[in-house]
């Protein structure tokens, strides 16, 4: 069991609207402030989606590059860009995210129903993402929305080799309508399937919405790590909106400390992830 906890903050996402969630950080200045605050509390990775001037999700290359540069200049956080974007983004735009040269990028391991939409991830697209990251020295976080995605990951690694850095890290995204539920039983089943992956594989877990707290507690008890943020939940408690990403990171840090697995600093996180 890992002695420390990797805490990733996912501050924005592509689903919530600024008009409905005023605290959502959508400008570069808002994102930088959030990043600094969350790093000071104990986050070591930031999972980044960006927005345009109208606060709509975008994969604009200029904005992506500027965001990566600004985060590196202002923080020591590991910068992880989302290659998922919004569910409507074309594959070419999603692949081009890697041109911004982040430290890490997400690689979702299969197609999943996403509420009323479909989050499409064809096998050929997954292979393209994986091999391009190998070539460019970008470390992937393999996002797992359903248990079958772990079998797809084993197939990917068997055929195309380990990721850059040699370490395999997955994130269980739990509680998405259409994906695996955010329950302890599901997390235990997913963790058991990790035995088929390379020795030393680590995992984080993300609970969407009301599954946020149960998934955090289950992950910590199973030796896993945490991802929290307003991408995944905009309610701190029933009837109580999230006021900032700091609230969610502070709660995760508190749970990690109670579990006697304090947050990893950015140096320790880089060592864990093979950066």
C-alpha atoms as a PDB file:
ATOM      1  CA  UNK A   1       0.000   0.000   0.000  1.00  0.00           C
ATOM      2  CA  UNK A   2       1.322   3.402  -0.981  1.00  0.00           C
ATOM      3  CA  UNK A   3       2.263   5.526   2.022  1.00  0.00           C
ATOM      4  CA  UNK A   4       1.350   8.882   0.476  1.00  0.00           C
ATOM      5  CA  UNK A   5      -1.571  10.139  -1.568  1.00  0.00           C
ATOM      6  CA  UNK A   6      -1.403  11.681  -5.032  1.00  0.00           C
ATOM      7  CA  UNK A   7      -4.065  14.381  -5.190  1.00  0.00           C
ATOM      8  CA  UNK A   8      -5.192  15.617  -8.581  1.00  0.00           C
ATOM      9  CA  UNK A   9      -7.448  18.645  -8.946  1.00  0.00           C
ATOM     10  CA  UNK A  10      -9.777  18.822 -11.962  1.00  0.00           C
ATOM     11  CA  UNK A  11     -11.053  22.391 -11.625  1.00  0.00           C
ATOM     12  CA  UNK A  12     -13.203  23.045 -14.691  1.00  0.00           C
ATOM     13  CA  UNK A  13     -14.240  20.221 -17.034  1.00  0.00           C
ATOM     14  CA  UNK A  14     -16.369  20.674 -20.132  1.00  0.00           C
ATOM     15  CA  UNK A  15     -19.870  20.020 -18.806  1.00  0.00           C
ATOM     16  CA  UNK A  16     -20.847  22.780 -16.349  1.00  0.00           C
ATOM     17  CA  UNK A  17     -21.841  26.233 -17.549  1.00  0.00           C
ATOM     18  CA  UNK A  18     -20.362  29.338 -15.924  1.00  0.00           C
ATOM     19  CA  UNK A  19     -23.830  30.906 -15.828  1.00  0.00           C
ATOM     20  CA  UNK A  20     -25.076  28.018 -13.693  1.00  0.00           C
ATOM     21  CA  UNK A  21     -21.878  27.588 -11.626  1.00  0.00           C
ATOM     22  CA  UNK A  22     -20.428  31.080 -11.061  1.00  0.00           C
ATOM     23  CA  UNK A  23     -17.477  29.749  -9.014  1.00  0.00           C
ATOM     24  CA  UNK A  24     -16.215  27.661 -11.955  1.00  0.00           C
ATOM     25  CA  UNK A  25     -12.728  28.845 -13.058  1.00  0.00           C
ATOM     26  CA  UNK A  26     -12.923  29.456 -16.810  1.00  0.00           C
ATOM     27  CA  UNK A  27     -10.463  32.282 -17.538  1.00  0.00           C
ATOM     28  CA  UNK A  28      -6.696  31.814 -17.430  1.00  0.00           C
ATOM     29  CA  UNK A  29      -6.425  34.119 -14.421  1.00  0.00           C
ATOM     30  CA  UNK A  30      -9.106  32.157 -12.575  1.00  0.00           C
ATOM     31  CA  UNK A  31      -7.394  28.877 -13.435  1.00  0.00           C
ATOM     32  CA  UNK A  32      -3.992  30.129 -12.249  1.00  0.00           C
ATOM     33  CA  UNK A  33      -5.436  31.342  -8.946  1.00  0.00           C
ATOM     34  CA  UNK A  34      -7.143  27.981  -8.446  1.00  0.00           C
ATOM     35  CA  UNK A  35      -3.929  26.132  -9.288  1.00  0.00           C
ATOM     36  CA  UNK A  36      -1.872  28.116  -6.776  1.00  0.00           C
ATOM     37  CA  UNK A  37      -4.465  27.702  -4.028  1.00  0.00           C
ATOM     38  CA  UNK A  38      -4.822  23.964  -4.569  1.00  0.00           C
ATOM     39  CA  UNK A  39      -1.062  23.384  -4.787  1.00  0.00           C
ATOM     40  CA  UNK A  40      -0.624  25.176  -1.460  1.00  0.00           C
ATOM     41  CA  UNK A  41      -3.165  22.810   0.103  1.00  0.00           C
ATOM     42  CA  UNK A  42      -1.575  19.610  -1.196  1.00  0.00           C
ATOM     43  CA  UNK A  43      -2.570  18.961  -4.826  1.00  0.00           C
ATOM     44  CA  UNK A  44       0.325  17.863  -7.051  1.00  0.00           C
ATOM     45  CA  UNK A  45      -1.423  17.349 -10.425  1.00  0.00           C
ATOM     46  CA  UNK A  46      -3.858  19.598 -12.274  1.00  0.00           C
ATOM     47  CA  UNK A  47      -6.154  18.058 -14.904  1.00  0.00           C
ATOM     48  CA  UNK A  48      -6.938  20.846 -17.343  1.00  0.00           C
ATOM     49  CA  UNK A  49      -9.860  21.699 -19.609  1.00  0.00           C
ATOM     50  CA  UNK A  50      -9.950  25.221 -21.050  1.00  0.00           C
ATOM     51  CA  UNK A  51     -12.708  27.602 -22.133  1.00  0.00           C
ATOM     52  CA  UNK A  52     -12.985  30.347 -24.757  1.00  0.00           C
ATOM     53  CA  UNK A  53     -13.943  33.995 -24.239  1.00  0.00           C
ATOM     54  CA  UNK A  54     -17.616  32.981 -23.966  1.00  0.00           C
ATOM     55  CA  UNK A  55     -16.703  30.305 -21.350  1.00  0.00           C
ATOM     56  CA  UNK A  56     -17.438  27.492 -23.798  1.00  0.00           C
ATOM     57  CA  UNK A  57     -15.193  24.401 -23.919  1.00  0.00           C
ATOM     58  CA  UNK A  58     -12.423  24.702 -26.496  1.00  0.00           C
ATOM     59  CA  UNK A  59      -9.298  22.872 -27.669  1.00  0.00           C
ATOM     60  CA  UNK A  60      -7.769  25.971 -29.246  1.00  0.00           C
ATOM     61  CA  UNK A  61      -4.034  25.372 -29.662  1.00  0.00           C
ATOM     62  CA  UNK A  62      -2.964  28.887 -28.761  1.00  0.00           C
ATOM     63  CA  UNK A  63      -4.942  28.813 -25.530  1.00  0.00           C
ATOM     64  CA  UNK A  64      -3.665  25.345 -24.653  1.00  0.00           C
ATOM     65  CA  UNK A  65      -0.032  26.357 -25.114  1.00  0.00           C
ATOM     66  CA  UNK A  66      -0.525  29.581 -23.159  1.00  0.00           C
ATOM     67  CA  UNK A  67      -2.216  27.667 -20.349  1.00  0.00           C
ATOM     68  CA  UNK A  68       0.569  25.084 -20.068  1.00  0.00           C
ATOM     69  CA  UNK A  69       3.221  27.819 -20.083  1.00  0.00           C
ATOM     70  CA  UNK A  70       1.426  29.922 -17.468  1.00  0.00           C
ATOM     71  CA  UNK A  71       0.864  26.965 -15.136  1.00  0.00           C
ATOM     72  CA  UNK A  72       4.536  25.995 -15.384  1.00  0.00           C
ATOM     73  CA  UNK A  73       5.652  29.558 -14.691  1.00  0.00           C
ATOM     74  CA  UNK A  74       3.316  30.079 -11.713  1.00  0.00           C
ATOM     75  CA  UNK A  75       3.272  26.635 -10.062  1.00  0.00           C
ATOM     76  CA  UNK A  76       5.215  23.406  -9.712  1.00  0.00           C
ATOM     77  CA  UNK A  77       2.115  21.324 -10.453  1.00  0.00           C
ATOM     78  CA  UNK A  78       2.237  18.455 -12.926  1.00  0.00           C
ATOM     79  CA  UNK A  79       0.208  19.730 -15.890  1.00  0.00           C
ATOM     80  CA  UNK A  80      -2.137  17.108 -17.300  1.00  0.00           C
ATOM     81  CA  UNK A  81      -4.229  18.126 -20.315  1.00  0.00           C
ATOM     82  CA  UNK A  82      -7.495  16.410 -21.133  1.00  0.00           C
ATOM     83  CA  UNK A  83      -7.614  14.801 -24.579  1.00  0.00           C
ATOM     84  CA  UNK A  84     -11.299  14.118 -23.998  1.00  0.00           C
ATOM     85  CA  UNK A  85     -12.374  17.715 -24.455  1.00  0.00           C
ATOM     86  CA  UNK A  86     -16.136  17.857 -24.857  1.00  0.00           C
ATOM     87  CA  UNK A  87     -17.914  14.756 -26.144  1.00  0.00           C
ATOM     88  CA  UNK A  88     -18.518  16.516 -29.482  1.00  0.00           C
ATOM     89  CA  UNK A  89     -14.847  17.321 -30.208  1.00  0.00           C
ATOM     90  CA  UNK A  90     -13.398  15.569 -33.304  1.00  0.00           C
ATOM     91  CA  UNK A  91     -10.496  13.138 -32.997  1.00  0.00           C
ATOM     92  CA  UNK A  92      -8.057  15.371 -34.851  1.00  0.00           C
ATOM     93  CA  UNK A  93      -8.529  18.218 -32.382  1.00  0.00           C
ATOM     94  CA  UNK A  94      -8.182  15.837 -29.458  1.00  0.00           C
ATOM     95  CA  UNK A  95      -4.906  14.422 -30.803  1.00  0.00           C
ATOM     96  CA  UNK A  96      -3.587  17.943 -31.367  1.00  0.00           C
ATOM     97  CA  UNK A  97      -3.816  18.592 -27.611  1.00  0.00           C
ATOM     98  CA  UNK A  98      -0.473  16.767 -27.356  1.00  0.00           C
ATOM     99  CA  UNK A  99       1.161  19.523 -29.437  1.00  0.00           C
ATOM    100  CA  UNK A 100       0.953  21.765 -26.356  1.00  0.00           C
ATOM    101  CA  UNK A 101       3.542  19.450 -24.723  1.00  0.00           C
ATOM    102  CA  UNK A 102       1.983  18.905 -21.281  1.00  0.00           C
ATOM    103  CA  UNK A 103       3.693  16.738 -18.663  1.00  0.00           C
ATOM    104  CA  UNK A 104       0.755  14.325 -18.810  1.00  0.00           C
ATOM    105  CA  UNK A 105      -2.411  13.796 -20.836  1.00  0.00           C
ATOM    106  CA  UNK A 106      -5.491  11.685 -20.374  1.00  0.00           C
ATOM    107  CA  UNK A 107      -6.093   8.599 -22.520  1.00  0.00           C
ATOM    108  CA  UNK A 108      -9.607   7.210 -22.181  1.00  0.00           C
ATOM    109  CA  UNK A 109      -9.627   3.472 -22.789  1.00  0.00           C
ATOM    110  CA  UNK A 110     -12.954   2.987 -24.524  1.00  0.00           C
ATOM    111  CA  UNK A 111     -16.308   4.337 -25.618  1.00  0.00           C
ATOM    112  CA  UNK A 112     -18.927   4.960 -22.944  1.00  0.00           C
ATOM    113  CA  UNK A 113     -22.452   6.317 -22.738  1.00  0.00           C
ATOM    114  CA  UNK A 114     -22.106   9.733 -21.101  1.00  0.00           C
ATOM    115  CA  UNK A 115     -25.506  10.797 -19.825  1.00  0.00           C
ATOM    116  CA  UNK A 116     -27.552  11.433 -22.965  1.00  0.00           C
ATOM    117  CA  UNK A 117     -24.409  11.555 -25.126  1.00  0.00           C
ATOM    118  CA  UNK A 118     -21.762   9.077 -26.288  1.00  0.00           C
ATOM    119  CA  UNK A 119     -18.089   9.620 -25.424  1.00  0.00           C
ATOM    120  CA  UNK A 120     -16.494   7.965 -28.458  1.00  0.00           C
ATOM    121  CA  UNK A 121     -13.006   6.474 -28.192  1.00  0.00           C
ATOM    122  CA  UNK A 122     -12.267   4.116 -31.092  1.00  0.00           C
ATOM    123  CA  UNK A 123      -9.468   1.549 -30.735  1.00  0.00           C
ATOM    124  CA  UNK A 124      -7.405   3.160 -33.505  1.00  0.00           C
ATOM    125  CA  UNK A 125      -7.725   6.552 -31.804  1.00  0.00           C
ATOM    126  CA  UNK A 126      -6.600   5.104 -28.461  1.00  0.00           C
ATOM    127  CA  UNK A 127      -3.562   3.501 -30.098  1.00  0.00           C
ATOM    128  CA  UNK A 128      -2.720   6.784 -31.812  1.00  0.00           C
ATOM    129  CA  UNK A 129      -2.884   8.696 -28.519  1.00  0.00           C
ATOM    130  CA  UNK A 130      -0.766   6.097 -26.684  1.00  0.00           C
ATOM    131  CA  UNK A 131       1.980   5.901 -29.322  1.00  0.00           C
ATOM    132  CA  UNK A 132       2.159   9.658 -29.856  1.00  0.00           C
ATOM    133  CA  UNK A 133       2.628  10.151 -26.124  1.00  0.00           C
ATOM    134  CA  UNK A 134       5.406   7.543 -26.136  1.00  0.00           C
ATOM    135  CA  UNK A 135       7.169   9.423 -28.937  1.00  0.00           C
ATOM    136  CA  UNK A 136       6.797  12.857 -27.309  1.00  0.00           C
ATOM    137  CA  UNK A 137       7.711  11.948 -23.741  1.00  0.00           C
ATOM    138  CA  UNK A 138       4.243  12.649 -22.351  1.00  0.00           C
ATOM    139  CA  UNK A 139       3.004  10.440 -19.514  1.00  0.00           C
ATOM    140  CA  UNK A 140      -0.559   9.171 -19.947  1.00  0.00           C
ATOM    141  CA  UNK A 141      -3.207   8.796 -17.307  1.00  0.00           C
ATOM    142  CA  UNK A 142      -5.432   5.988 -18.564  1.00  0.00           C
ATOM    143  CA  UNK A 143      -9.020   6.936 -17.788  1.00  0.00           C
ATOM    144  CA  UNK A 144     -11.283   3.994 -16.996  1.00  0.00           C
ATOM    145  CA  UNK A 145     -15.036   4.609 -17.160  1.00  0.00           C
ATOM    146  CA  UNK A 146     -16.054   0.941 -17.157  1.00  0.00           C
ATOM    147  CA  UNK A 147     -14.438  -2.337 -16.130  1.00  0.00           C
ATOM    148  CA  UNK A 148     -13.979  -3.537 -19.708  1.00  0.00           C
ATOM    149  CA  UNK A 149     -11.674  -0.575 -20.283  1.00  0.00           C
ATOM    150  CA  UNK A 150      -9.081  -2.318 -18.086  1.00  0.00           C
ATOM    151  CA  UNK A 151      -9.059  -5.277 -20.474  1.00  0.00           C
ATOM    152  CA  UNK A 152      -8.562  -2.836 -23.346  1.00  0.00           C
ATOM    153  CA  UNK A 153      -5.625  -1.298 -21.475  1.00  0.00           C
ATOM    154  CA  UNK A 154      -3.974  -4.691 -21.011  1.00  0.00           C
ATOM    155  CA  UNK A 155      -4.372  -5.305 -24.750  1.00  0.00           C
ATOM    156  CA  UNK A 156      -2.884  -1.878 -25.539  1.00  0.00           C
ATOM    157  CA  UNK A 157       0.180  -2.404 -23.340  1.00  0.00           C
ATOM    158  CA  UNK A 158       0.732  -5.950 -24.602  1.00  0.00           C
ATOM    159  CA  UNK A 159       0.700  -4.797 -28.236  1.00  0.00           C
ATOM    160  CA  UNK A 160       2.327  -1.362 -28.054  1.00  0.00           C
ATOM    161  CA  UNK A 161       4.457  -1.376 -24.916  1.00  0.00           C
ATOM    162  CA  UNK A 162       4.658   0.594 -21.725  1.00  0.00           C
ATOM    163  CA  UNK A 163       4.046   4.351 -21.628  1.00  0.00           C
ATOM    164  CA  UNK A 164       6.836   6.905 -21.501  1.00  0.00           C
ATOM    165  CA  UNK A 165       8.576   6.604 -18.139  1.00  0.00           C
ATOM    166  CA  UNK A 166       7.564   2.970 -17.768  1.00  0.00           C
ATOM    167  CA  UNK A 167       4.944   3.479 -15.050  1.00  0.00           C
ATOM    168  CA  UNK A 168       1.244   2.705 -15.579  1.00  0.00           C
ATOM    169  CA  UNK A 169      -1.232   4.948 -13.766  1.00  0.00           C
ATOM    170  CA  UNK A 170      -4.996   4.721 -14.219  1.00  0.00           C
ATOM    171  CA  UNK A 171      -7.888   6.846 -13.034  1.00  0.00           C
ATOM    172  CA  UNK A 172     -11.214   5.171 -12.289  1.00  0.00           C
ATOM    173  CA  UNK A 173     -13.920   7.662 -13.271  1.00  0.00           C
ATOM    174  CA  UNK A 174     -16.924   6.392 -11.342  1.00  0.00           C
ATOM    175  CA  UNK A 175     -20.546   7.454 -11.217  1.00  0.00           C
ATOM    176  CA  UNK A 176     -20.970   8.787 -14.766  1.00  0.00           C
ATOM    177  CA  UNK A 177     -24.491   7.883 -15.965  1.00  0.00           C
ATOM    178  CA  UNK A 178     -23.711   5.114 -18.448  1.00  0.00           C
ATOM    179  CA  UNK A 179     -20.418   4.053 -16.842  1.00  0.00           C
ATOM    180  CA  UNK A 180     -19.495   2.058 -13.760  1.00  0.00           C
ATOM    181  CA  UNK A 181     -21.205   3.072 -10.513  1.00  0.00           C
ATOM    182  CA  UNK A 182     -19.357   4.946  -7.796  1.00  0.00           C
ATOM    183  CA  UNK A 183     -19.514   2.228  -5.152  1.00  0.00           C
ATOM    184  CA  UNK A 184     -17.008   0.451  -2.942  1.00  0.00           C
ATOM    185  CA  UNK A 185     -17.906  -2.899  -4.508  1.00  0.00           C
ATOM    186  CA  UNK A 186     -17.122  -1.602  -7.995  1.00  0.00           C
ATOM    187  CA  UNK A 187     -13.825  -0.089  -6.902  1.00  0.00           C
ATOM    188  CA  UNK A 188     -12.789  -3.386  -5.267  1.00  0.00           C
ATOM    189  CA  UNK A 189     -13.616  -5.242  -8.492  1.00  0.00           C
ATOM    190  CA  UNK A 190     -11.632  -2.733 -10.537  1.00  0.00           C
ATOM    191  CA  UNK A 191      -8.670  -2.961  -8.186  1.00  0.00           C
ATOM    192  CA  UNK A 192      -8.667  -6.763  -8.516  1.00  0.00           C
ATOM    193  CA  UNK A 193      -8.456  -6.410 -12.299  1.00  0.00           C
ATOM    194  CA  UNK A 194      -5.278  -4.335 -11.928  1.00  0.00           C
ATOM    195  CA  UNK A 195      -3.482  -7.618 -11.214  1.00  0.00           C
ATOM    196  CA  UNK A 196      -3.535  -8.255 -14.968  1.00  0.00           C
ATOM    197  CA  UNK A 197      -1.581  -5.033 -15.573  1.00  0.00           C
ATOM    198  CA  UNK A 198       2.180  -4.492 -15.086  1.00  0.00           C
ATOM    199  CA  UNK A 199       3.478  -4.838 -11.555  1.00  0.00           C
ATOM    200  CA  UNK A 200       3.503  -1.513  -9.744  1.00  0.00           C
ATOM    201  CA  UNK A 201       0.478  -0.074 -11.574  1.00  0.00           C
ATOM    202  CA  UNK A 202      -1.165   2.627  -9.466  1.00  0.00           C
ATOM    203  CA  UNK A 203      -4.642   4.069  -9.530  1.00  0.00           C
ATOM    204  CA  UNK A 204      -6.586   7.163  -8.612  1.00  0.00           C
ATOM    205  CA  UNK A 205     -10.356   7.265  -8.286  1.00  0.00           C
ATOM    206  CA  UNK A 206     -12.842   9.980  -9.149  1.00  0.00           C
ATOM    207  CA  UNK A 207     -16.400   9.976  -7.850  1.00  0.00           C
ATOM    208  CA  UNK A 208     -18.847  11.985  -9.930  1.00  0.00           C
ATOM    209  CA  UNK A 209     -21.484  13.986  -8.067  1.00  0.00           C
ATOM    210  CA  UNK A 210     -22.893  12.316  -4.971  1.00  0.00           C
ATOM    211  CA  UNK A 211     -20.439   9.405  -5.289  1.00  0.00           C
ATOM    212  CA  UNK A 212     -17.512  11.731  -4.567  1.00  0.00           C
ATOM    213  CA  UNK A 213     -17.124  10.990  -0.846  1.00  0.00           C
ATOM    214  CA  UNK A 214     -17.777   7.206  -0.976  1.00  0.00           C
ATOM    215  CA  UNK A 215     -15.233   6.835  -3.785  1.00  0.00           C
ATOM    216  CA  UNK A 216     -12.619   8.908  -1.928  1.00  0.00           C
ATOM    217  CA  UNK A 217     -12.942   6.787   1.199  1.00  0.00           C
ATOM    218  CA  UNK A 218     -12.902   3.519  -0.738  1.00  0.00           C
ATOM    219  CA  UNK A 219      -9.848   4.546  -2.758  1.00  0.00           C
ATOM    220  CA  UNK A 220      -7.853   5.570   0.293  1.00  0.00           C
ATOM    221  CA  UNK A 221      -8.685   2.327   2.093  1.00  0.00           C
ATOM    222  CA  UNK A 222      -7.573   0.316  -0.953  1.00  0.00           C
ATOM    223  CA  UNK A 223      -4.237   2.126  -1.332  1.00  0.00           C
ATOM    224  CA  UNK A 224      -5.394   4.315  -4.200  1.00  0.00           C
ATOM    225  CA  UNK A 225      -5.078   8.024  -4.912  1.00  0.00           C
ATOM    226  CA  UNK A 226      -7.620  10.824  -5.354  1.00  0.00           C
ATOM    227  CA  UNK A 227      -8.949  13.162  -8.022  1.00  0.00           C
ATOM    228  CA  UNK A 228     -11.344  15.896  -6.945  1.00  0.00           C
ATOM    229  CA  UNK A 229     -12.591  19.154  -8.397  1.00  0.00           C
ATOM    230  CA  UNK A 230     -15.481  21.068  -9.874  1.00  0.00           C
ATOM    231  CA  UNK A 231     -15.221  19.105 -13.107  1.00  0.00           C
ATOM    232  CA  UNK A 232     -16.591  16.153 -11.148  1.00  0.00           C
ATOM    233  CA  UNK A 233     -18.911  17.697  -8.575  1.00  0.00           C
ATOM    234  CA  UNK A 234     -20.339  21.165  -8.023  1.00  0.00           C
ATOM    235  CA  UNK A 235     -22.109  20.289  -4.749  1.00  0.00           C
ATOM    236  CA  UNK A 236     -20.135  20.128  -1.504  1.00  0.00           C
ATOM    237  CA  UNK A 237     -23.032  18.620   0.447  1.00  0.00           C
ATOM    238  CA  UNK A 238     -26.747  18.215  -0.182  1.00  0.00           C
ATOM    239  CA  UNK A 239     -28.149  21.652  -0.944  1.00  0.00           C
ATOM    240  CA  UNK A 240     -24.736  23.294  -0.576  1.00  0.00           C
ATOM    241  CA  UNK A 241     -22.941  24.392  -3.759  1.00  0.00           C
ATOM    242  CA  UNK A 242     -19.149  24.199  -3.983  1.00  0.00           C
ATOM    243  CA  UNK A 243     -17.649  27.626  -3.313  1.00  0.00           C
ATOM    244  CA  UNK A 244     -14.215  26.849  -4.813  1.00  0.00           C
ATOM    245  CA  UNK A 245     -11.977  23.975  -5.802  1.00  0.00           C
ATOM    246  CA  UNK A 246     -10.025  24.683  -2.599  1.00  0.00           C
ATOM    247  CA  UNK A 247     -12.932  23.254  -0.599  1.00  0.00           C
ATOM    248  CA  UNK A 248     -12.770  19.944  -2.433  1.00  0.00           C
ATOM    249  CA  UNK A 249      -8.976  19.685  -2.270  1.00  0.00           C
ATOM    250  CA  UNK A 250      -8.978  20.574   1.432  1.00  0.00           C
ATOM    251  CA  UNK A 251     -11.492  17.800   2.133  1.00  0.00           C
ATOM    252  CA  UNK A 252      -9.419  15.289   0.152  1.00  0.00           C
ATOM    253  CA  UNK A 253      -6.280  16.332   2.021  1.00  0.00           C
ATOM    254  CA  UNK A 254      -8.097  15.935   5.327  1.00  0.00           C
ATOM    255  CA  UNK A 255      -9.275  12.432   4.429  1.00  0.00           C
ATOM    256  CA  UNK A 256      -5.767  11.470   3.268  1.00  0.00           C
ATOM    257  CA  UNK A 257      -4.265  12.674   6.525  1.00  0.00           C
ATOM    258  CA  UNK A 258      -6.879  10.770   8.552  1.00  0.00           C
ATOM    259  CA  UNK A 259      -5.914   7.664   6.589  1.00  0.00           C
ATOM    260  CA  UNK A 260      -2.269   8.347   7.573  1.00  0.00           C
ATOM    261  CA  UNK A 261      -1.415   8.759   3.897  1.00  0.00           C
ATOM    262  CA  UNK A 262      -0.555  12.462   3.618  1.00  0.00           C
ATOM    263  CA  UNK A 263      -0.450  14.211   0.232  1.00  0.00           C
ATOM    264  CA  UNK A 264       2.580  13.640  -1.990  1.00  0.00           C
ATOM    265  CA  UNK A 265       4.440  16.806  -2.880  1.00  0.00           C
ATOM    266  CA  UNK A 266       5.150  17.532  -6.526  1.00  0.00           C
ATOM    267  CA  UNK A 267       8.635  15.978  -6.412  1.00  0.00           C
ATOM    268  CA  UNK A 268       7.274  12.765  -4.920  1.00  0.00           C
ATOM    269  CA  UNK A 269       4.417  12.764  -7.420  1.00  0.00           C
ATOM    270  CA  UNK A 270       6.827  13.043 -10.346  1.00  0.00           C
ATOM    271  CA  UNK A 271       8.819  10.107  -8.991  1.00  0.00           C
ATOM    272  CA  UNK A 272       5.664   8.007  -8.586  1.00  0.00           C
ATOM    273  CA  UNK A 273       4.412   8.734 -12.112  1.00  0.00           C
ATOM    274  CA  UNK A 274       7.722   8.244 -13.910  1.00  0.00           C
ATOM    275  CA  UNK A 275       8.086  11.875 -14.954  1.00  0.00           C
END
